[in-house]
Amino acid sequence: MTMSEAKQIAAVIGCDYFLIVRTGSLRRSSFEKAEYYEAFEVLYLVSGRTGRLSFWDLRSVESNSKMEAEKLLLKSAEAVSLNIAGKMTKAVKFEIAEKASTYIEEVPPENSPPDKTFRPPMPYKRIKPDYTRTAYLYDAKGTVDILVDINQHGEVMRTEIVRWAGFGLDEAVDEAVRKMNWRPAERGGKALPMRVLLRYNFTKIEKE
């Protein structure tokens, strides 16, 4: 979900925060157990003020039967709600204390006048973000968009996830971007700070 989509949803509902919940049951097997069931829930706490994913969590329980696993997961609902309330309180404090980001120029439209002598920032070597083990286990698919502020020296000054996916994929993208060495943007041969939008698509690829 993008930040703009999240803010639109919050505006329609009329709330500062909302929760997205995904649940499911999976039949598993391992070296220790021939067969068992796992009931899980994925929680996304979303800020309607900023559109950010403030917090995500994955909880799961195992049992010999699907019904029993689901019952055990349901019993944890009270503890989960208390945890979410605590995370929401922290998110509110962070948003109140957060300083507005400084203005930085963005990539101009193609074939526009500013684009004529413009060269966008480029990594000297691209680093592919990891498809996390958690995402693999739960067959997570998604797109992560990240805004990156790169100064005139090619240093990453700030990042912000503007389309999030959870399952550790957002963090994997941020880590990969920050590890890259960048050639700064240029206009008329002069280096300048620039904000760029990068997109990464994730899908499960079965290992042979």
C-alpha atoms as a PDB file:
ATOM      1  CA  MET A   1       0.000   0.000   0.000  1.00  0.00           C
ATOM      2  CA  THR A   2       1.241   3.494  -0.797  1.00  0.00           C
ATOM      3  CA  MET A   3       1.283   6.374   1.676  1.00  0.00           C
ATOM      4  CA  SER A   4      -1.262   8.313  -0.383  1.00  0.00           C
ATOM      5  CA  GLU A   5      -3.625   5.319  -0.501  1.00  0.00           C
ATOM      6  CA  ALA A   6      -3.322   4.889   3.265  1.00  0.00           C
ATOM      7  CA  LYS A   7      -4.162   8.549   3.893  1.00  0.00           C
ATOM      8  CA  GLN A   8      -7.185   8.321   1.602  1.00  0.00           C
ATOM      9  CA  ILE A   9      -8.478   5.257   3.453  1.00  0.00           C
ATOM     10  CA  ALA A  10      -8.016   6.980   6.833  1.00  0.00           C
ATOM     11  CA  ALA A  11      -9.856  10.064   5.555  1.00  0.00           C
ATOM     12  CA  VAL A  12     -12.831   7.941   4.455  1.00  0.00           C
ATOM     13  CA  ILE A  13     -12.928   6.014   7.743  1.00  0.00           C
ATOM     14  CA  GLY A  14     -12.273   9.144   9.807  1.00  0.00           C
ATOM     15  CA  CYS A  15      -9.364   7.938  11.922  1.00  0.00           C
ATOM     16  CA  ASP A  16      -5.753   8.734  12.735  1.00  0.00           C
ATOM     17  CA  TYR A  17      -4.655   5.074  12.657  1.00  0.00           C
ATOM     18  CA  PHE A  18      -6.109   1.885  11.277  1.00  0.00           C
ATOM     19  CA  LEU A  19      -5.197  -1.791  11.434  1.00  0.00           C
ATOM     20  CA  ILE A  20      -4.943  -4.279   8.589  1.00  0.00           C
ATOM     21  CA  VAL A  21      -5.054  -7.946   9.592  1.00  0.00           C
ATOM     22  CA  ARG A  22      -4.218 -10.967   7.466  1.00  0.00           C
ATOM     23  CA  THR A  23      -4.829 -14.444   8.892  1.00  0.00           C
ATOM     24  CA  GLY A  24      -4.356 -17.949   7.597  1.00  0.00           C
ATOM     25  CA  SER A  25      -3.534 -21.564   8.338  1.00  0.00           C
ATOM     26  CA  LEU A  26      -0.786 -23.629   6.754  1.00  0.00           C
ATOM     27  CA  ARG A  27       0.041 -27.302   6.779  1.00  0.00           C
ATOM     28  CA  ARG A  28       3.713 -27.705   7.519  1.00  0.00           C
ATOM     29  CA  SER A  29       6.244 -30.516   7.886  1.00  0.00           C
ATOM     30  CA  SER A  30       9.789 -30.684   9.185  1.00  0.00           C
ATOM     31  CA  PHE A  31      12.494 -33.105  10.277  1.00  0.00           C
ATOM     32  CA  GLU A  32      11.079 -33.054  13.820  1.00  0.00           C
ATOM     33  CA  LYS A  33       7.398 -33.419  12.835  1.00  0.00           C
ATOM     34  CA  ALA A  34       5.953 -35.345   9.934  1.00  0.00           C
ATOM     35  CA  GLU A  35       2.996 -32.981   9.728  1.00  0.00           C
ATOM     36  CA  TYR A  36       1.540 -30.128  11.779  1.00  0.00           C
ATOM     37  CA  TYR A  37      -0.533 -26.987  11.338  1.00  0.00           C
ATOM     38  CA  GLU A  38       0.430 -23.370  11.785  1.00  0.00           C
ATOM     39  CA  ALA A  39      -2.135 -20.621  12.306  1.00  0.00           C
ATOM     40  CA  PHE A  40      -0.792 -17.114  11.761  1.00  0.00           C
ATOM     41  CA  GLU A  41      -1.793 -13.480  11.691  1.00  0.00           C
ATOM     42  CA  VAL A  42      -0.005 -10.520  10.140  1.00  0.00           C
ATOM     43  CA  LEU A  43      -0.816  -7.107  11.613  1.00  0.00           C
ATOM     44  CA  TYR A  44      -0.180  -3.766   9.914  1.00  0.00           C
ATOM     45  CA  LEU A  45      -0.621  -0.609  11.999  1.00  0.00           C
ATOM     46  CA  VAL A  46      -0.981   2.277   9.544  1.00  0.00           C
ATOM     47  CA  SER A  47      -0.832   5.996  10.295  1.00  0.00           C
ATOM     48  CA  GLY A  48      -3.617   7.912   8.612  1.00  0.00           C
ATOM     49  CA  ARG A  49      -1.721  11.136   9.256  1.00  0.00           C
ATOM     50  CA  THR A  50       1.387  10.229   7.290  1.00  0.00           C
ATOM     51  CA  GLY A  51       0.339   7.078   5.424  1.00  0.00           C
ATOM     52  CA  ARG A  52       3.317   5.234   6.837  1.00  0.00           C
ATOM     53  CA  LEU A  53       3.407   1.676   8.055  1.00  0.00           C
ATOM     54  CA  SER A  54       4.059   2.456  11.725  1.00  0.00           C
ATOM     55  CA  PHE A  55       4.428  -1.159  12.800  1.00  0.00           C
ATOM     56  CA  TRP A  56       3.956  -4.663  11.512  1.00  0.00           C
ATOM     57  CA  ASP A  57       4.018  -7.949  13.365  1.00  0.00           C
ATOM     58  CA  LEU A  58       3.698 -11.631  12.593  1.00  0.00           C
ATOM     59  CA  ARG A  59       2.368 -14.085  15.166  1.00  0.00           C
ATOM     60  CA  SER A  60       1.928 -17.809  14.744  1.00  0.00           C
ATOM     61  CA  VAL A  61       1.119 -20.918  16.767  1.00  0.00           C
ATOM     62  CA  GLU A  62       1.475 -24.602  15.956  1.00  0.00           C
ATOM     63  CA  SER A  63      -0.670 -27.624  16.741  1.00  0.00           C
ATOM     64  CA  ASN A  64      -1.446 -31.109  15.461  1.00  0.00           C
ATOM     65  CA  SER A  65      -4.779 -29.913  14.078  1.00  0.00           C
ATOM     66  CA  LYS A  66      -5.832 -26.834  12.144  1.00  0.00           C
ATOM     67  CA  MET A  67      -8.754 -26.105  14.454  1.00  0.00           C
ATOM     68  CA  GLU A  68      -6.620 -26.274  17.593  1.00  0.00           C
ATOM     69  CA  ALA A  69      -3.966 -23.995  16.075  1.00  0.00           C
ATOM     70  CA  GLU A  70      -6.614 -21.406  15.217  1.00  0.00           C
ATOM     71  CA  LYS A  71      -8.060 -21.563  18.742  1.00  0.00           C
ATOM     72  CA  LEU A  72      -4.627 -21.005  20.280  1.00  0.00           C
ATOM     73  CA  LEU A  73      -4.052 -18.008  18.034  1.00  0.00           C
ATOM     74  CA  LEU A  74      -7.402 -16.511  19.000  1.00  0.00           C
ATOM     75  CA  LYS A  75      -6.510 -16.746  22.698  1.00  0.00           C
ATOM     76  CA  SER A  76      -3.612 -14.334  22.163  1.00  0.00           C
ATOM     77  CA  ALA A  77      -5.916 -11.545  20.948  1.00  0.00           C
ATOM     78  CA  GLU A  78      -5.896  -9.598  24.221  1.00  0.00           C
ATOM     79  CA  ALA A  79      -2.104  -9.547  24.506  1.00  0.00           C
ATOM     80  CA  VAL A  80      -1.864  -8.517  20.842  1.00  0.00           C
ATOM     81  CA  SER A  81      -4.261  -5.592  21.327  1.00  0.00           C
ATOM     82  CA  LEU A  82      -2.243  -4.279  24.292  1.00  0.00           C
ATOM     83  CA  ASN A  83       0.944  -4.476  22.231  1.00  0.00           C
ATOM     84  CA  ILE A  84      -0.673  -2.556  19.378  1.00  0.00           C
ATOM     85  CA  ALA A  85      -1.910   0.154  21.762  1.00  0.00           C
ATOM     86  CA  GLY A  86       1.647   0.604  23.025  1.00  0.00           C
ATOM     87  CA  LYS A  87       3.049   0.811  19.489  1.00  0.00           C
ATOM     88  CA  MET A  88       0.410   3.388  18.555  1.00  0.00           C
ATOM     89  CA  THR A  89       1.346   5.582  21.517  1.00  0.00           C
ATOM     90  CA  LYS A  90       5.007   5.515  20.453  1.00  0.00           C
ATOM     91  CA  ALA A  91       4.094   6.284  16.836  1.00  0.00           C
ATOM     92  CA  VAL A  92       2.061   9.334  17.875  1.00  0.00           C
ATOM     93  CA  LYS A  93       4.948  10.702  19.968  1.00  0.00           C
ATOM     94  CA  PHE A  94       7.378  10.151  17.074  1.00  0.00           C
ATOM     95  CA  GLU A  95       5.159  11.933  14.555  1.00  0.00           C
ATOM     96  CA  ILE A  96       4.657  14.924  16.869  1.00  0.00           C
ATOM     97  CA  ALA A  97       8.401  15.264  17.504  1.00  0.00           C
ATOM     98  CA  GLU A  98       9.434  14.657  13.885  1.00  0.00           C
ATOM     99  CA  LYS A  99      10.844  17.592  11.979  1.00  0.00           C
ATOM    100  CA  ALA A 100       9.643  18.322   8.464  1.00  0.00           C
ATOM    101  CA  SER A 101      12.065  17.210   5.774  1.00  0.00           C
ATOM    102  CA  THR A 102      13.980  19.962   4.015  1.00  0.00           C
ATOM    103  CA  TYR A 103      13.174  20.747   0.392  1.00  0.00           C
ATOM    104  CA  ILE A 104      15.296  18.961  -2.160  1.00  0.00           C
ATOM    105  CA  GLU A 105      14.927  18.969  -5.934  1.00  0.00           C
ATOM    106  CA  GLU A 106      13.340  15.952  -7.606  1.00  0.00           C
ATOM    107  CA  VAL A 107      14.070  14.373 -10.975  1.00  0.00           C
ATOM    108  CA  PRO A 108      12.548  16.644 -13.654  1.00  0.00           C
ATOM    109  CA  PRO A 109      10.000  15.364 -16.175  1.00  0.00           C
ATOM    110  CA  GLU A 110      11.492  13.806 -19.273  1.00  0.00           C
ATOM    111  CA  ASN A 111      12.069  16.264 -22.143  1.00  0.00           C
ATOM    112  CA  SER A 112      11.244  19.250 -19.917  1.00  0.00           C
ATOM    113  CA  PRO A 113      13.568  22.327 -20.046  1.00  0.00           C
ATOM    114  CA  PRO A 114      15.365  21.381 -16.782  1.00  0.00           C
ATOM    115  CA  ASP A 115      15.916  17.878 -18.204  1.00  0.00           C
ATOM    116  CA  LYS A 116      18.064  19.064 -21.129  1.00  0.00           C
ATOM    117  CA  THR A 117      21.375  19.235 -19.235  1.00  0.00           C
ATOM    118  CA  PHE A 118      20.336  16.921 -16.390  1.00  0.00           C
ATOM    119  CA  ARG A 119      21.967  13.621 -15.432  1.00  0.00           C
ATOM    120  CA  PRO A 120      20.201  11.626 -12.672  1.00  0.00           C
ATOM    121  CA  PRO A 121      22.031  10.051  -9.749  1.00  0.00           C
ATOM    122  CA  MET A 122      23.139   6.486 -10.425  1.00  0.00           C
ATOM    123  CA  PRO A 123      24.616   3.764  -8.231  1.00  0.00           C
ATOM    124  CA  TYR A 124      28.086   2.631  -9.290  1.00  0.00           C
ATOM    125  CA  LYS A 125      26.953  -0.893  -8.442  1.00  0.00           C
ATOM    126  CA  ARG A 126      23.370  -1.950  -7.846  1.00  0.00           C
ATOM    127  CA  ILE A 127      22.656  -4.108  -4.804  1.00  0.00           C
ATOM    128  CA  LYS A 128      19.619  -6.369  -4.924  1.00  0.00           C
ATOM    129  CA  PRO A 129      17.542  -6.359  -1.706  1.00  0.00           C
ATOM    130  CA  ASP A 130      17.103  -9.735  -0.041  1.00  0.00           C
ATOM    131  CA  TYR A 131      13.822 -11.583  -0.340  1.00  0.00           C
ATOM    132  CA  THR A 132      13.558 -12.349   3.360  1.00  0.00           C
ATOM    133  CA  ARG A 133      13.051 -15.792   4.845  1.00  0.00           C
ATOM    134  CA  THR A 134       9.853 -14.571   6.519  1.00  0.00           C
ATOM    135  CA  ALA A 135       8.473 -13.433   3.169  1.00  0.00           C
ATOM    136  CA  TYR A 136       9.421 -16.791   1.640  1.00  0.00           C
ATOM    137  CA  LEU A 137       7.721 -18.825   4.393  1.00  0.00           C
ATOM    138  CA  TYR A 138       4.455 -16.917   4.007  1.00  0.00           C
ATOM    139  CA  ASP A 139       4.534 -16.533   0.223  1.00  0.00           C
ATOM    140  CA  ALA A 140       4.571 -12.740   0.459  1.00  0.00           C
ATOM    141  CA  LYS A 141       4.456 -10.689  -2.713  1.00  0.00           C
ATOM    142  CA  GLY A 142       4.659  -6.939  -2.938  1.00  0.00           C
ATOM    143  CA  THR A 143       6.180  -3.757  -4.288  1.00  0.00           C
ATOM    144  CA  VAL A 144       8.314  -1.443  -2.184  1.00  0.00           C
ATOM    145  CA  ASP A 145       8.849   2.178  -3.243  1.00  0.00           C
ATOM    146  CA  ILE A 146      11.508   4.227  -1.506  1.00  0.00           C
ATOM    147  CA  LEU A 147      12.345   7.927  -1.752  1.00  0.00           C
ATOM    148  CA  VAL A 148      16.082   8.550  -1.496  1.00  0.00           C
ATOM    149  CA  ASP A 149      17.780  11.904  -0.885  1.00  0.00           C
ATOM    150  CA  ILE A 150      21.306  11.898  -2.353  1.00  0.00           C
ATOM    151  CA  ASN A 151      23.538  14.910  -1.776  1.00  0.00           C
ATOM    152  CA  GLN A 152      26.027  16.509  -4.171  1.00  0.00           C
ATOM    153  CA  HIS A 153      28.739  14.138  -2.938  1.00  0.00           C
ATOM    154  CA  GLY A 154      26.742  10.998  -3.744  1.00  0.00           C
ATOM    155  CA  GLU A 155      25.930  10.280  -0.092  1.00  0.00           C
ATOM    156  CA  VAL A 156      22.508   8.976   0.971  1.00  0.00           C
ATOM    157  CA  MET A 157      21.173  11.560   3.415  1.00  0.00           C
ATOM    158  CA  ARG A 158      17.627  10.329   3.975  1.00  0.00           C
ATOM    159  CA  THR A 159      15.272   7.542   2.926  1.00  0.00           C
ATOM    160  CA  GLU A 160      11.542   7.045   3.281  1.00  0.00           C
ATOM    161  CA  ILE A 161       9.415   4.047   2.347  1.00  0.00           C
ATOM    162  CA  VAL A 162       6.392   5.397   0.453  1.00  0.00           C
ATOM    163  CA  ARG A 163       4.950   2.028  -0.612  1.00  0.00           C
ATOM    164  CA  TRP A 164       5.351  -0.682   1.981  1.00  0.00           C
ATOM    165  CA  ALA A 165       4.989  -4.452   2.047  1.00  0.00           C
ATOM    166  CA  GLY A 166       6.002  -5.719   5.489  1.00  0.00           C
ATOM    167  CA  PHE A 167       7.644  -9.115   6.071  1.00  0.00           C
ATOM    168  CA  GLY A 168      11.022  -7.393   6.412  1.00  0.00           C
ATOM    169  CA  LEU A 169      11.033  -6.371   2.737  1.00  0.00           C
ATOM    170  CA  ASP A 170      10.916  -2.631   3.489  1.00  0.00           C
ATOM    171  CA  GLU A 171      13.950  -2.931   5.745  1.00  0.00           C
ATOM    172  CA  ALA A 172      15.765  -5.023   3.120  1.00  0.00           C
ATOM    173  CA  VAL A 173      15.227  -2.291   0.507  1.00  0.00           C
ATOM    174  CA  ASP A 174      16.382   0.481   2.830  1.00  0.00           C
ATOM    175  CA  GLU A 175      19.523  -1.475   3.766  1.00  0.00           C
ATOM    176  CA  ALA A 176      20.407  -2.209   0.126  1.00  0.00           C
ATOM    177  CA  VAL A 177      19.966   1.414  -0.962  1.00  0.00           C
ATOM    178  CA  ARG A 178      22.122   2.715   1.869  1.00  0.00           C
ATOM    179  CA  LYS A 179      24.923   0.262   0.991  1.00  0.00           C
ATOM    180  CA  MET A 180      25.192   1.546  -2.582  1.00  0.00           C
ATOM    181  CA  ASN A 181      27.792   4.099  -3.641  1.00  0.00           C
ATOM    182  CA  TRP A 182      26.150   6.770  -5.767  1.00  0.00           C
ATOM    183  CA  ARG A 183      27.230   9.081  -8.533  1.00  0.00           C
ATOM    184  CA  PRO A 184      25.440  12.365  -7.729  1.00  0.00           C
ATOM    185  CA  ALA A 185      22.958  14.085 -10.004  1.00  0.00           C
ATOM    186  CA  GLU A 186      24.308  16.753 -12.315  1.00  0.00           C
ATOM    187  CA  ARG A 187      22.917  19.710 -14.237  1.00  0.00           C
ATOM    188  CA  GLY A 188      25.154  21.483 -16.676  1.00  0.00           C
ATOM    189  CA  GLY A 189      28.110  19.498 -15.344  1.00  0.00           C
ATOM    190  CA  LYS A 190      27.551  20.667 -11.755  1.00  0.00           C
ATOM    191  CA  ALA A 191      26.717  18.162  -9.020  1.00  0.00           C
ATOM    192  CA  LEU A 192      23.533  18.808  -7.037  1.00  0.00           C
ATOM    193  CA  PRO A 193      21.438  17.120  -4.345  1.00  0.00           C
ATOM    194  CA  MET A 194      18.480  15.170  -5.680  1.00  0.00           C
ATOM    195  CA  ARG A 195      15.501  13.136  -4.461  1.00  0.00           C
ATOM    196  CA  VAL A 196      14.778   9.971  -6.460  1.00  0.00           C
ATOM    197  CA  LEU A 197      12.082   7.319  -6.302  1.00  0.00           C
ATOM    198  CA  LEU A 198      13.181   3.681  -6.548  1.00  0.00           C
ATOM    199  CA  ARG A 199      10.878   0.674  -6.944  1.00  0.00           C
ATOM    200  CA  TYR A 200      11.504  -2.979  -6.065  1.00  0.00           C
ATOM    201  CA  ASN A 201       9.148  -5.841  -6.855  1.00  0.00           C
ATOM    202  CA  PHE A 202       9.210  -9.005  -4.768  1.00  0.00           C
ATOM    203  CA  THR A 203       7.720 -12.414  -5.488  1.00  0.00           C
ATOM    204  CA  LYS A 204       8.411 -15.911  -4.263  1.00  0.00           C
ATOM    205  CA  ILE A 205      10.732 -17.991  -6.419  1.00  0.00           C
ATOM    206  CA  GLU A 206      10.784 -21.675  -5.621  1.00  0.00           C
ATOM    207  CA  LYS A 207      14.263 -23.101  -5.082  1.00  0.00           C
ATOM    208  CA  GLU A 208      15.170 -26.086  -7.216  1.00  0.00           C
END
